[in-house]
Amino acid sequence: MGKTTFTLKKQHLPTKTCLVCGRPFTWRKKWEKVWEEVKYCSDRCRSQRNKKNLENT
């Protein structure tokens, strides 16, 4: 009983906007420790980040 944790309700989860597709995405448990570093909603968007940059130049 020494460890106190808090739970987040689904409607109260933080959200961000994907830098590649522009869609909103919500916090996931697997991103708990790195949420501030998360920029992309999926592996697909993460792999396309360089392709988008090349198209804009």
Protein backbone atom coordinates (compact mmCIF):
# COMPACT_ATOMS: atom_id res chain seq x y z
CA MET A 1 0.00 0.00 0.00
CA GLY A 2 3.03 2.30 0.06
CA LYS A 3 2.90 3.24 -3.63
CA THR A 4 0.27 5.77 -4.65
CA THR A 5 -0.79 5.96 -8.28
CA PHE A 6 -3.41 7.99 -10.00
CA THR A 7 -5.64 6.88 -12.80
CA LEU A 8 -6.71 8.94 -15.76
CA LYS A 9 -10.21 8.71 -17.12
CA LYS A 10 -10.40 8.42 -20.89
CA GLN A 11 -12.07 11.79 -21.28
CA HIS A 12 -9.26 13.43 -19.29
CA LEU A 13 -6.29 12.03 -21.23
CA PRO A 14 -3.87 14.62 -22.66
CA THR A 15 -3.81 15.04 -26.44
CA LYS A 16 -1.34 16.27 -29.02
CA THR A 17 -1.46 16.92 -32.76
CA CYS A 18 0.70 14.80 -35.06
CA LEU A 19 3.35 16.86 -36.89
CA VAL A 20 2.96 14.82 -40.10
CA CYS A 21 -0.75 14.13 -40.59
CA GLY A 22 -2.18 16.81 -38.30
CA ARG A 23 -4.55 14.42 -36.56
CA PRO A 24 -5.03 14.59 -32.81
CA PHE A 25 -3.85 11.63 -30.74
CA THR A 26 -4.17 10.83 -27.07
CA TRP A 27 -1.78 9.72 -24.36
CA ARG A 28 -0.94 6.02 -24.22
CA LYS A 29 0.41 4.06 -21.29
CA LYS A 30 3.51 3.08 -23.27
CA TRP A 31 4.31 6.82 -23.71
CA GLU A 32 3.99 7.51 -19.98
CA LYS A 33 7.68 8.28 -19.40
CA VAL A 34 8.38 10.00 -22.73
CA TRP A 35 5.14 11.91 -23.40
CA GLU A 36 6.97 15.24 -23.73
CA GLU A 37 9.11 13.75 -26.53
CA VAL A 38 6.25 12.17 -28.51
CA LYS A 39 5.60 14.05 -31.78
CA TYR A 40 3.97 11.50 -34.09
CA CYS A 41 0.77 9.50 -33.75
CA SER A 42 2.11 6.29 -35.31
CA ASP A 43 5.16 4.51 -36.68
CA ARG A 44 3.89 5.31 -40.18
CA CYS A 45 3.94 9.06 -39.52
CA ARG A 46 7.31 8.80 -37.80
CA SER A 47 8.79 7.08 -40.86
CA GLN A 48 7.21 9.64 -43.23
CA ARG A 49 8.56 12.70 -41.38
CA ASN A 50 11.63 12.92 -43.62
CA LYS A 51 9.60 12.41 -46.80
CA LYS A 52 7.38 15.35 -45.88
CA ASN A 53 10.43 17.55 -45.25
CA LEU A 54 11.91 16.60 -48.65
CA GLU A 55 8.67 17.48 -50.46
CA ASN A 56 8.58 20.96 -48.93
CA THR A 57 12.07 21.88 -50.19
